[in-house]
Amino acid sequence: MPRQFDGKRVRAVRRGKDLSQGELAAAVGVKAPAVARWESGTDHPKGEKLPAIAAALGQPLDVLFPHDGPPDLQLLRCDAGLSVADAAAILGTSRVPVSNAESGRRRLGDAYVRPLAEAYGVTEAELLAAQDCSFGIRPETSGDERASAPRTVGEKINYLLEYGYLDQDAPSNDEIVRRVNEHASGPVVTVEDIAALRAGATTEASEAVRAGLAEALQVDVAIFQDDAELNEEVREFLESIRFLKSIRGGQILGLAARGNGAGLSAEMMATINNLVGELKHKLPDVEDEG
C-alpha cells in the first residue's frame, strides 16, 4: 500500500517549523506552486519525494506519512527516494523490468535482485518479500505482525479513521473533539491534544477522553485501554473494510495503470478473488443486486 499523504498536516508541520512554501520546495527540489497544490489537496507529490519532505520538516517518515501492511516494491523504491528511471539506471536497463515487477506483471530477473536491494537499502530477502506483495501474495500473519497492531491511543485513532469508514467521510479532529467533549459534558480535550496523540507526540489520555473517543468513533471503550490491541474479530472486520475500500478507491485496480497497460497478472487476479471469497463471511449480510 502507498504511504498516506495529508496536505493539511504537511502545512501545519511546515508552519510549525516557520518554513515558507518556497523554502520547503527548495529543500525537496520542486517549485513553490507544487507545495501549494500539495497542501491544498489539488495534487500529491510523487512517492519518491516523501522522504525528502519528511526530512525537510524534521519528521520521521513513518509518522508524517504512515502506511499499512508490509512494503511492496514501489514503496521500497519510493522510500529510497528513487524514481523508476533512477532504479532502471542503477540496473543499466530500461524502465520496463522495474515497472513490470512493481505492477505485478513479471518478476525481476535474478541479476537485478542484489543491485536493487543495495540501492533500496534492504536485504535480498526483504526485496523478494516486497516483490511477492507487489504480486498480491501476502505473508502469513506472524507474532511480530500481531505485535505491531495499534497500541497507543493515537495509533488506534489513526487506524479506525483510516479503515473504519467506507461510504462516509471520517470525522475530522475538530469533530472528534466536539463529540468527546459532548460525551464528557465539558471540555476535556482540544484539537491540539488530538493532533498530538495522532502524531505520536504524546500517549497520555484521561479515562474521560478514552471513553469519549470510543463514543465518537463508535467502538467498544475497551479498545482504547492501555496497550489493548484490537481483538482478532474486530481486526478481521476492519481488514475486510480496508480491502474493500482499497478496491473502491482504485488502489488495487489502479495497479493495471502501471507499466505497459497489459493489466493485472492472472496470479494477482486469482489472489484478489480468493481474498474476496474469504471475506464474504466476515461482512454484514447484504442483498444481492438483481
C-alpha atoms as a PDB file:
ATOM      1  CA  MET A   1       0.000   0.000   0.000  1.00  0.00           C
ATOM      2  CA  PRO A   2       1.246   3.525  -0.724  1.00  0.00           C
ATOM      3  CA  ARG A   3       2.001   5.961   2.060  1.00  0.00           C
ATOM      4  CA  GLN A   4      -0.792   8.253   3.202  1.00  0.00           C
ATOM      5  CA  PHE A   5      -0.352  11.918   2.279  1.00  0.00           C
ATOM      6  CA  ASP A   6      -2.265  14.638   4.103  1.00  0.00           C
ATOM      7  CA  GLY A   7      -1.615  18.095   2.688  1.00  0.00           C
ATOM      8  CA  LYS A   8      -3.239  19.839   5.649  1.00  0.00           C
ATOM      9  CA  ARG A   9      -0.927  18.027   8.023  1.00  0.00           C
ATOM     10  CA  VAL A  10       2.120  18.969   5.942  1.00  0.00           C
ATOM     11  CA  ARG A  11       1.017  22.612   6.008  1.00  0.00           C
ATOM     12  CA  ALA A  12       0.568  22.529   9.795  1.00  0.00           C
ATOM     13  CA  VAL A  13       4.007  20.986  10.369  1.00  0.00           C
ATOM     14  CA  ARG A  14       5.643  23.391   7.900  1.00  0.00           C
ATOM     15  CA  ARG A  15       4.133  26.401   9.637  1.00  0.00           C
ATOM     16  CA  GLY A  16       5.190  24.986  12.985  1.00  0.00           C
ATOM     17  CA  LYS A  17       8.762  24.910  11.682  1.00  0.00           C
ATOM     18  CA  ASP A  18       8.456  28.509  10.397  1.00  0.00           C
ATOM     19  CA  LEU A  19       9.222  27.365   6.861  1.00  0.00           C
ATOM     20  CA  SER A  20       7.731  29.053   3.811  1.00  0.00           C
ATOM     21  CA  GLN A  21       6.349  27.049   0.912  1.00  0.00           C
ATOM     22  CA  GLY A  22       9.316  28.254  -1.130  1.00  0.00           C
ATOM     23  CA  GLU A  23      11.812  27.007   1.460  1.00  0.00           C
ATOM     24  CA  LEU A  24      10.196  23.591   1.612  1.00  0.00           C
ATOM     25  CA  ALA A  25      10.062  23.455  -2.169  1.00  0.00           C
ATOM     26  CA  ALA A  26      13.761  24.271  -2.435  1.00  0.00           C
ATOM     27  CA  ALA A  27      14.656  21.545   0.061  1.00  0.00           C
ATOM     28  CA  VAL A  28      12.622  18.983  -1.879  1.00  0.00           C
ATOM     29  CA  GLY A  29      13.684  20.102  -5.351  1.00  0.00           C
ATOM     30  CA  VAL A  30      10.389  21.438  -6.682  1.00  0.00           C
ATOM     31  CA  LYS A  31       8.791  24.851  -7.253  1.00  0.00           C
ATOM     32  CA  ALA A  32       6.748  26.633  -4.574  1.00  0.00           C
ATOM     33  CA  PRO A  33       3.453  26.277  -6.523  1.00  0.00           C
ATOM     34  CA  ALA A  34       3.854  22.497  -6.300  1.00  0.00           C
ATOM     35  CA  VAL A  35       3.936  22.674  -2.491  1.00  0.00           C
ATOM     36  CA  ALA A  36       0.864  24.939  -2.562  1.00  0.00           C
ATOM     37  CA  ARG A  37      -1.011  22.342  -4.634  1.00  0.00           C
ATOM     38  CA  TRP A  38       0.027  19.536  -2.256  1.00  0.00           C
ATOM     39  CA  GLU A  39      -1.181  21.422   0.790  1.00  0.00           C
ATOM     40  CA  SER A  40      -4.479  22.396  -0.819  1.00  0.00           C
ATOM     41  CA  GLY A  41      -5.162  18.800  -1.847  1.00  0.00           C
ATOM     42  CA  THR A  42      -5.316  19.537  -5.582  1.00  0.00           C
ATOM     43  CA  ASP A  43      -2.195  17.470  -6.231  1.00  0.00           C
ATOM     44  CA  HIS A  44       0.046  14.956  -4.491  1.00  0.00           C
ATOM     45  CA  PRO A  45       3.824  14.581  -4.575  1.00  0.00           C
ATOM     46  CA  LYS A  46       5.387  11.549  -6.169  1.00  0.00           C
ATOM     47  CA  GLY A  47       6.142   8.828  -3.677  1.00  0.00           C
ATOM     48  CA  GLU A  48       9.896   9.250  -4.029  1.00  0.00           C
ATOM     49  CA  LYS A  49       9.565  12.855  -2.808  1.00  0.00           C
ATOM     50  CA  LEU A  50       8.089  11.889   0.577  1.00  0.00           C
ATOM     51  CA  PRO A  51      11.427  11.054   2.295  1.00  0.00           C
ATOM     52  CA  ALA A  52      12.805  14.473   1.327  1.00  0.00           C
ATOM     53  CA  ILE A  53       9.642  16.230   2.549  1.00  0.00           C
ATOM     54  CA  ALA A  54       9.774  14.416   5.887  1.00  0.00           C
ATOM     55  CA  ALA A  55      13.488  15.197   6.283  1.00  0.00           C
ATOM     56  CA  ALA A  56      12.965  18.880   5.460  1.00  0.00           C
ATOM     57  CA  LEU A  57      10.207  19.061   8.092  1.00  0.00           C
ATOM     58  CA  GLY A  58      12.259  17.147  10.667  1.00  0.00           C
ATOM     59  CA  GLN A  59       9.666  14.377  10.973  1.00  0.00           C
ATOM     60  CA  PRO A  60      10.073  10.563  10.869  1.00  0.00           C
ATOM     61  CA  LEU A  61       8.828   9.255   7.528  1.00  0.00           C
ATOM     62  CA  ASP A  62       6.524   6.688   9.151  1.00  0.00           C
ATOM     63  CA  VAL A  63       4.969   9.323  11.412  1.00  0.00           C
ATOM     64  CA  LEU A  64       4.344  12.007   8.803  1.00  0.00           C
ATOM     65  CA  PHE A  65       3.383   9.593   6.010  1.00  0.00           C
ATOM     66  CA  PRO A  66       2.219   6.297   7.537  1.00  0.00           C
ATOM     67  CA  HIS A  67       1.430   3.201   5.520  1.00  0.00           C
ATOM     68  CA  ASP A  68      -0.338  -0.056   6.268  1.00  0.00           C
ATOM     69  CA  GLY A  69       0.962  -3.570   5.904  1.00  0.00           C
ATOM     70  CA  PRO A  70       4.239  -4.921   4.547  1.00  0.00           C
ATOM     71  CA  PRO A  71       6.030  -2.900   1.848  1.00  0.00           C
ATOM     72  CA  ASP A  72       5.841  -3.703  -1.833  1.00  0.00           C
ATOM     73  CA  LEU A  73       8.489  -2.890  -4.441  1.00  0.00           C
ATOM     74  CA  GLN A  74       7.063   0.533  -5.193  1.00  0.00           C
ATOM     75  CA  LEU A  75       7.191   1.526  -1.522  1.00  0.00           C
ATOM     76  CA  LEU A  76      10.798   0.327  -1.147  1.00  0.00           C
ATOM     77  CA  ARG A  77      11.825   2.365  -4.184  1.00  0.00           C
ATOM     78  CA  CYS A  78       9.999   5.492  -3.064  1.00  0.00           C
ATOM     79  CA  ASP A  79      11.379   5.224   0.471  1.00  0.00           C
ATOM     80  CA  ALA A  80      14.847   5.165  -1.064  1.00  0.00           C
ATOM     81  CA  GLY A  81      13.987   8.451  -2.806  1.00  0.00           C
ATOM     82  CA  LEU A  82      14.311   6.909  -6.266  1.00  0.00           C
ATOM     83  CA  SER A  83      12.124   7.239  -9.349  1.00  0.00           C
ATOM     84  CA  VAL A  84      11.500   4.345 -11.732  1.00  0.00           C
ATOM     85  CA  ALA A  85      14.035   5.934 -14.088  1.00  0.00           C
ATOM     86  CA  ASP A  86      16.603   6.100 -11.268  1.00  0.00           C
ATOM     87  CA  ALA A  87      16.097   2.421 -10.427  1.00  0.00           C
ATOM     88  CA  ALA A  88      16.366   1.465 -14.105  1.00  0.00           C
ATOM     89  CA  ALA A  89      19.603   3.431 -14.424  1.00  0.00           C
ATOM     90  CA  ILE A  90      21.065   1.545 -11.457  1.00  0.00           C
ATOM     91  CA  LEU A  91      20.243  -1.721 -13.216  1.00  0.00           C
ATOM     92  CA  GLY A  92      21.533  -0.448 -16.553  1.00  0.00           C
ATOM     93  CA  THR A  93      18.250  -1.270 -18.272  1.00  0.00           C
ATOM     94  CA  SER A  94      15.019   0.341 -19.428  1.00  0.00           C
ATOM     95  CA  ARG A  95      12.160   1.126 -17.081  1.00  0.00           C
ATOM     96  CA  VAL A  96      10.218  -1.950 -18.189  1.00  0.00           C
ATOM     97  CA  PRO A  97      11.647  -4.562 -15.743  1.00  0.00           C
ATOM     98  CA  VAL A  98      11.125  -2.232 -12.766  1.00  0.00           C
ATOM     99  CA  SER A  99       7.612  -1.201 -13.854  1.00  0.00           C
ATOM    100  CA  ASN A 100       6.584  -4.780 -14.630  1.00  0.00           C
ATOM    101  CA  ALA A 101       7.734  -6.027 -11.233  1.00  0.00           C
ATOM    102  CA  GLU A 102       6.051  -3.178  -9.347  1.00  0.00           C
ATOM    103  CA  SER A 103       2.754  -3.706 -11.189  1.00  0.00           C
ATOM    104  CA  GLY A 104       2.708  -7.474 -10.633  1.00  0.00           C
ATOM    105  CA  ARG A 105       3.239  -8.457 -14.270  1.00  0.00           C
ATOM    106  CA  ARG A 106       6.685 -10.012 -14.463  1.00  0.00           C
ATOM    107  CA  ARG A 107       9.186 -10.721 -11.724  1.00  0.00           C
ATOM    108  CA  LEU A 108      12.662  -9.240 -11.601  1.00  0.00           C
ATOM    109  CA  GLY A 109      15.433 -11.197 -13.229  1.00  0.00           C
ATOM    110  CA  ASP A 110      17.859 -12.817 -10.779  1.00  0.00           C
ATOM    111  CA  ALA A 111      20.639 -10.466 -11.861  1.00  0.00           C
ATOM    112  CA  TYR A 112      18.585  -7.457 -10.788  1.00  0.00           C
ATOM    113  CA  VAL A 113      17.830  -8.554  -7.229  1.00  0.00           C
ATOM    114  CA  ARG A 114      21.134  -7.786  -5.493  1.00  0.00           C
ATOM    115  CA  PRO A 115      21.833  -4.351  -7.047  1.00  0.00           C
ATOM    116  CA  LEU A 116      18.239  -3.234  -6.457  1.00  0.00           C
ATOM    117  CA  ALA A 117      18.296  -4.438  -2.838  1.00  0.00           C
ATOM    118  CA  GLU A 118      21.528  -2.487  -2.252  1.00  0.00           C
ATOM    119  CA  ALA A 119      20.042   0.622  -3.872  1.00  0.00           C
ATOM    120  CA  TYR A 120      16.926   0.367  -1.693  1.00  0.00           C
ATOM    121  CA  GLY A 121      18.920  -0.292   1.466  1.00  0.00           C
ATOM    122  CA  VAL A 122      17.304  -3.681   2.191  1.00  0.00           C
ATOM    123  CA  THR A 123      18.369  -7.311   2.132  1.00  0.00           C
ATOM    124  CA  GLU A 124      17.713  -9.532  -0.868  1.00  0.00           C
ATOM    125  CA  ALA A 125      15.182 -11.470   1.206  1.00  0.00           C
ATOM    126  CA  GLU A 126      13.333  -8.239   2.037  1.00  0.00           C
ATOM    127  CA  LEU A 127      13.318  -7.241  -1.626  1.00  0.00           C
ATOM    128  CA  LEU A 128      11.902 -10.613  -2.679  1.00  0.00           C
ATOM    129  CA  ALA A 129       9.249 -10.420   0.062  1.00  0.00           C
ATOM    130  CA  ALA A 130       8.275  -6.960  -1.228  1.00  0.00           C
ATOM    131  CA  GLN A 131       8.092  -8.388  -4.748  1.00  0.00           C
ATOM    132  CA  ASP A 132       5.642 -11.022  -3.500  1.00  0.00           C
ATOM    133  CA  CYS A 133       3.492  -8.201  -2.111  1.00  0.00           C
ATOM    134  CA  SER A 134       3.564  -6.475  -5.498  1.00  0.00           C
ATOM    135  CA  PHE A 135       2.160  -9.702  -6.952  1.00  0.00           C
ATOM    136  CA  GLY A 136      -0.613  -9.809  -4.387  1.00  0.00           C
ATOM    137  CA  ILE A 137       0.964 -12.531  -2.261  1.00  0.00           C
ATOM    138  CA  ARG A 138       0.543 -11.598   1.372  1.00  0.00           C
ATOM    139  CA  PRO A 139       2.823 -13.049   4.053  1.00  0.00           C
ATOM    140  CA  GLU A 140       1.294 -15.214   6.739  1.00  0.00           C
ATOM    141  CA  THR A 141       0.388 -13.280   9.869  1.00  0.00           C
ATOM    142  CA  SER A 142       3.181 -13.714  12.383  1.00  0.00           C
ATOM    143  CA  GLY A 143       3.574 -12.945  16.044  1.00  0.00           C
ATOM    144  CA  ASP A 144       5.684  -9.928  15.121  1.00  0.00           C
ATOM    145  CA  GLU A 145       2.923  -8.614  12.852  1.00  0.00           C
ATOM    146  CA  ARG A 146       0.315  -9.060  15.572  1.00  0.00           C
ATOM    147  CA  ALA A 147       2.629  -7.208  17.934  1.00  0.00           C
ATOM    148  CA  SER A 148       2.638  -4.267  15.523  1.00  0.00           C
ATOM    149  CA  ALA A 149      -1.131  -3.821  15.833  1.00  0.00           C
ATOM    150  CA  PRO A 150      -2.195  -0.372  17.055  1.00  0.00           C
ATOM    151  CA  ARG A 151      -1.414   0.013  20.758  1.00  0.00           C
ATOM    152  CA  THR A 152      -1.285   3.697  21.671  1.00  0.00           C
ATOM    153  CA  VAL A 153      -4.408   5.838  21.723  1.00  0.00           C
ATOM    154  CA  GLY A 154      -3.160   7.803  18.731  1.00  0.00           C
ATOM    155  CA  GLU A 155      -2.382   4.685  16.688  1.00  0.00           C
ATOM    156  CA  LYS A 156      -5.885   3.391  17.353  1.00  0.00           C
ATOM    157  CA  ILE A 157      -7.466   6.690  16.332  1.00  0.00           C
ATOM    158  CA  ASN A 158      -5.493   6.684  13.065  1.00  0.00           C
ATOM    159  CA  TYR A 159      -6.337   3.029  12.388  1.00  0.00           C
ATOM    160  CA  LEU A 160     -10.050   3.483  12.925  1.00  0.00           C
ATOM    161  CA  LEU A 161     -10.226   6.700  10.907  1.00  0.00           C
ATOM    162  CA  GLU A 162      -8.309   5.186   8.011  1.00  0.00           C
ATOM    163  CA  TYR A 163     -10.189   1.888   7.711  1.00  0.00           C
ATOM    164  CA  GLY A 164     -13.436   2.202   9.635  1.00  0.00           C
ATOM    165  CA  TYR A 165     -15.289   4.483   7.217  1.00  0.00           C
ATOM    166  CA  LEU A 166     -16.271   3.087   3.836  1.00  0.00           C
ATOM    167  CA  ASP A 167     -19.166   5.101   2.422  1.00  0.00           C
ATOM    168  CA  GLN A 168     -18.824   8.189   4.585  1.00  0.00           C
ATOM    169  CA  ASP A 169     -16.172  10.720   5.457  1.00  0.00           C
ATOM    170  CA  ALA A 170     -14.193  10.012   8.611  1.00  0.00           C
ATOM    171  CA  PRO A 171     -14.663  12.669  11.297  1.00  0.00           C
ATOM    172  CA  SER A 172     -12.094  15.463  11.436  1.00  0.00           C
ATOM    173  CA  ASN A 173     -10.077  16.257  14.549  1.00  0.00           C
ATOM    174  CA  ASP A 174     -12.497  19.119  15.251  1.00  0.00           C
ATOM    175  CA  GLU A 175     -15.478  16.797  15.008  1.00  0.00           C
ATOM    176  CA  ILE A 176     -13.812  14.228  17.265  1.00  0.00           C
ATOM    177  CA  VAL A 177     -13.122  16.927  19.861  1.00  0.00           C
ATOM    178  CA  ARG A 178     -16.734  18.108  19.728  1.00  0.00           C
ATOM    179  CA  ARG A 179     -18.087  14.579  20.226  1.00  0.00           C
ATOM    180  CA  VAL A 180     -15.640  13.756  23.046  1.00  0.00           C
ATOM    181  CA  ASN A 181     -16.425  16.956  24.925  1.00  0.00           C
ATOM    182  CA  GLU A 182     -20.165  16.435  24.463  1.00  0.00           C
ATOM    183  CA  HIS A 183     -19.838  12.919  25.861  1.00  0.00           C
ATOM    184  CA  ALA A 184     -17.876  14.226  28.849  1.00  0.00           C
ATOM    185  CA  SER A 185     -20.298  17.146  29.335  1.00  0.00           C
ATOM    186  CA  GLY A 186     -17.334  19.516  29.432  1.00  0.00           C
ATOM    187  CA  PRO A 187     -14.038  20.480  27.770  1.00  0.00           C
ATOM    188  CA  VAL A 188     -11.713  17.524  28.402  1.00  0.00           C
ATOM    189  CA  VAL A 189      -9.729  17.633  25.148  1.00  0.00           C
ATOM    190  CA  THR A 190      -8.640  20.134  22.459  1.00  0.00           C
ATOM    191  CA  VAL A 191      -7.857  19.848  18.764  1.00  0.00           C
ATOM    192  CA  GLU A 192      -4.174  20.234  19.646  1.00  0.00           C
ATOM    193  CA  ASP A 193      -4.469  17.300  22.067  1.00  0.00           C
ATOM    194  CA  ILE A 194      -5.941  15.030  19.394  1.00  0.00           C
ATOM    195  CA  ALA A 195      -3.315  16.126  16.848  1.00  0.00           C
ATOM    196  CA  ALA A 196      -0.548  15.362  19.362  1.00  0.00           C
ATOM    197  CA  LEU A 197      -1.984  11.897  20.046  1.00  0.00           C
ATOM    198  CA  ARG A 198      -2.278  11.084  16.334  1.00  0.00           C
ATOM    199  CA  ALA A 199       1.246  12.325  15.609  1.00  0.00           C
ATOM    200  CA  GLY A 200       2.693  10.281  18.478  1.00  0.00           C
ATOM    201  CA  ALA A 201       3.907  13.378  20.316  1.00  0.00           C
ATOM    202  CA  THR A 202       2.044  12.170  23.404  1.00  0.00           C
ATOM    203  CA  THR A 203       0.425   8.917  24.505  1.00  0.00           C
ATOM    204  CA  GLU A 204      -1.365  10.252  27.579  1.00  0.00           C
ATOM    205  CA  ALA A 205      -5.163  10.428  27.624  1.00  0.00           C
ATOM    206  CA  SER A 206      -7.562  10.565  30.553  1.00  0.00           C
ATOM    207  CA  GLU A 207     -10.288   7.990  31.095  1.00  0.00           C
ATOM    208  CA  ALA A 208     -12.848  10.621  30.093  1.00  0.00           C
ATOM    209  CA  VAL A 209     -11.057  11.200  26.801  1.00  0.00           C
ATOM    210  CA  ARG A 210     -10.751   7.465  26.112  1.00  0.00           C
ATOM    211  CA  ALA A 211     -14.442   6.949  26.798  1.00  0.00           C
ATOM    212  CA  GLY A 212     -15.306   9.920  24.590  1.00  0.00           C
ATOM    213  CA  LEU A 213     -13.122   8.621  21.760  1.00  0.00           C
ATOM    214  CA  ALA A 214     -14.911   5.271  21.883  1.00  0.00           C
ATOM    215  CA  GLU A 215     -18.247   7.094  21.640  1.00  0.00           C
ATOM    216  CA  ALA A 216     -17.011   9.412  18.874  1.00  0.00           C
ATOM    217  CA  LEU A 217     -15.614   6.571  16.766  1.00  0.00           C
ATOM    218  CA  GLN A 218     -18.407   4.121  17.635  1.00  0.00           C
ATOM    219  CA  VAL A 219     -16.273   1.334  19.077  1.00  0.00           C
ATOM    220  CA  ASP A 220     -16.088  -0.504  22.383  1.00  0.00           C
ATOM    221  CA  VAL A 221     -14.332   1.531  25.053  1.00  0.00           C
ATOM    222  CA  ALA A 222     -12.043  -1.434  25.782  1.00  0.00           C
ATOM    223  CA  ILE A 223     -10.213  -0.721  22.507  1.00  0.00           C
ATOM    224  CA  PHE A 224      -8.825   2.494  23.966  1.00  0.00           C
ATOM    225  CA  GLN A 225      -7.464   0.966  27.167  1.00  0.00           C
ATOM    226  CA  ASP A 226      -3.671   0.987  27.658  1.00  0.00           C
ATOM    227  CA  ASP A 227      -1.862  -1.355  25.264  1.00  0.00           C
ATOM    228  CA  ALA A 228      -5.124  -3.070  24.362  1.00  0.00           C
ATOM    229  CA  GLU A 229      -4.834  -4.462  20.849  1.00  0.00           C
ATOM    230  CA  LEU A 230      -7.850  -4.669  18.630  1.00  0.00           C
ATOM    231  CA  ASN A 231      -9.235  -8.144  19.206  1.00  0.00           C
ATOM    232  CA  GLU A 232      -8.992 -10.621  16.360  1.00  0.00           C
ATOM    233  CA  GLU A 233     -12.656 -10.361  15.365  1.00  0.00           C
ATOM    234  CA  VAL A 234     -12.525  -6.556  15.141  1.00  0.00           C
ATOM    235  CA  ARG A 235      -9.224  -6.636  13.291  1.00  0.00           C
ATOM    236  CA  GLU A 236     -10.591  -9.095  10.720  1.00  0.00           C
ATOM    237  CA  PHE A 237     -13.667  -6.948  10.148  1.00  0.00           C
ATOM    238  CA  LEU A 238     -11.611  -3.747   9.759  1.00  0.00           C
ATOM    239  CA  GLU A 239      -9.187  -5.569   7.484  1.00  0.00           C
ATOM    240  CA  SER A 240     -12.166  -6.547   5.328  1.00  0.00           C
ATOM    241  CA  ILE A 241     -13.275  -2.909   5.213  1.00  0.00           C
ATOM    242  CA  ARG A 242      -9.723  -1.835   4.383  1.00  0.00           C
ATOM    243  CA  PHE A 243      -9.564  -4.288   1.499  1.00  0.00           C
ATOM    244  CA  LEU A 244     -12.918  -3.269   0.051  1.00  0.00           C
ATOM    245  CA  LYS A 245     -12.045   0.392   0.496  1.00  0.00           C
ATOM    246  CA  SER A 246      -8.822  -0.117  -1.436  1.00  0.00           C
ATOM    247  CA  ILE A 247     -10.800  -1.608  -4.330  1.00  0.00           C
ATOM    248  CA  ARG A 248     -13.392   1.169  -4.275  1.00  0.00           C
ATOM    249  CA  GLY A 249     -10.620   3.758  -4.112  1.00  0.00           C
ATOM    250  CA  GLY A 250      -8.911   2.240  -7.140  1.00  0.00           C
ATOM    251  CA  GLN A 251      -5.739   1.300  -5.268  1.00  0.00           C
ATOM    252  CA  ILE A 252      -5.891  -2.351  -6.391  1.00  0.00           C
ATOM    253  CA  LEU A 253      -7.480  -1.905  -9.788  1.00  0.00           C
ATOM    254  CA  GLY A 254      -5.199   1.079 -10.304  1.00  0.00           C
ATOM    255  CA  LEU A 255      -2.264  -1.310 -10.470  1.00  0.00           C
ATOM    256  CA  ALA A 256      -3.329  -2.037 -14.023  1.00  0.00           C
ATOM    257  CA  ALA A 257      -2.379   1.504 -14.973  1.00  0.00           C
ATOM    258  CA  ARG A 258       1.254   0.983 -14.001  1.00  0.00           C
ATOM    259  CA  GLY A 259       3.613  -0.110 -16.725  1.00  0.00           C
ATOM    260  CA  ASN A 260       2.608  -1.072 -20.245  1.00  0.00           C
ATOM    261  CA  GLY A 261      -1.174  -1.333 -19.818  1.00  0.00           C
ATOM    262  CA  ALA A 262      -1.386  -5.122 -20.004  1.00  0.00           C
ATOM    263  CA  GLY A 263      -3.479  -5.190 -16.852  1.00  0.00           C
ATOM    264  CA  LEU A 264      -3.237  -7.228 -13.676  1.00  0.00           C
ATOM    265  CA  SER A 265      -1.468 -10.554 -13.803  1.00  0.00           C
ATOM    266  CA  ALA A 266      -3.505 -13.751 -13.608  1.00  0.00           C
ATOM    267  CA  GLU A 267      -1.697 -14.526 -10.352  1.00  0.00           C
ATOM    268  CA  MET A 268      -2.790 -11.253  -8.754  1.00  0.00           C
ATOM    269  CA  MET A 269      -6.374 -11.581 -10.014  1.00  0.00           C
ATOM    270  CA  ALA A 270      -6.572 -15.087  -8.539  1.00  0.00           C
ATOM    271  CA  THR A 271      -5.292 -13.742  -5.217  1.00  0.00           C
ATOM    272  CA  ILE A 272      -7.900 -10.959  -5.202  1.00  0.00           C
ATOM    273  CA  ASN A 273     -10.686 -13.424  -5.986  1.00  0.00           C
ATOM    274  CA  ASN A 274      -9.552 -15.693  -3.165  1.00  0.00           C
ATOM    275  CA  LEU A 275      -9.497 -12.769  -0.738  1.00  0.00           C
ATOM    276  CA  VAL A 276     -12.989 -11.681  -1.705  1.00  0.00           C
ATOM    277  CA  GLY A 277     -14.210 -15.214  -1.081  1.00  0.00           C
ATOM    278  CA  GLU A 278     -12.527 -15.312   2.313  1.00  0.00           C
ATOM    279  CA  LEU A 279     -14.073 -12.004   3.338  1.00  0.00           C
ATOM    280  CA  LYS A 280     -17.685 -12.803   2.458  1.00  0.00           C
ATOM    281  CA  HIS A 281     -18.455 -14.400   5.810  1.00  0.00           C
ATOM    282  CA  LYS A 282     -16.841 -11.521   7.722  1.00  0.00           C
ATOM    283  CA  LEU A 283     -19.029  -8.756   6.323  1.00  0.00           C
ATOM    284  CA  PRO A 284     -22.614  -7.827   7.184  1.00  0.00           C
ATOM    285  CA  ASP A 285     -25.241  -9.581   5.045  1.00  0.00           C
ATOM    286  CA  VAL A 286     -26.298  -7.567   2.004  1.00  0.00           C
ATOM    287  CA  GLU A 287     -28.956  -8.271  -0.555  1.00  0.00           C
ATOM    288  CA  ASP A 288     -27.713  -9.416  -3.903  1.00  0.00           C
ATOM    289  CA  GLU A 289     -28.118  -6.861  -6.643  1.00  0.00           C
ATOM    290  CA  GLY A 290     -30.758  -8.002  -9.036  1.00  0.00           C
END
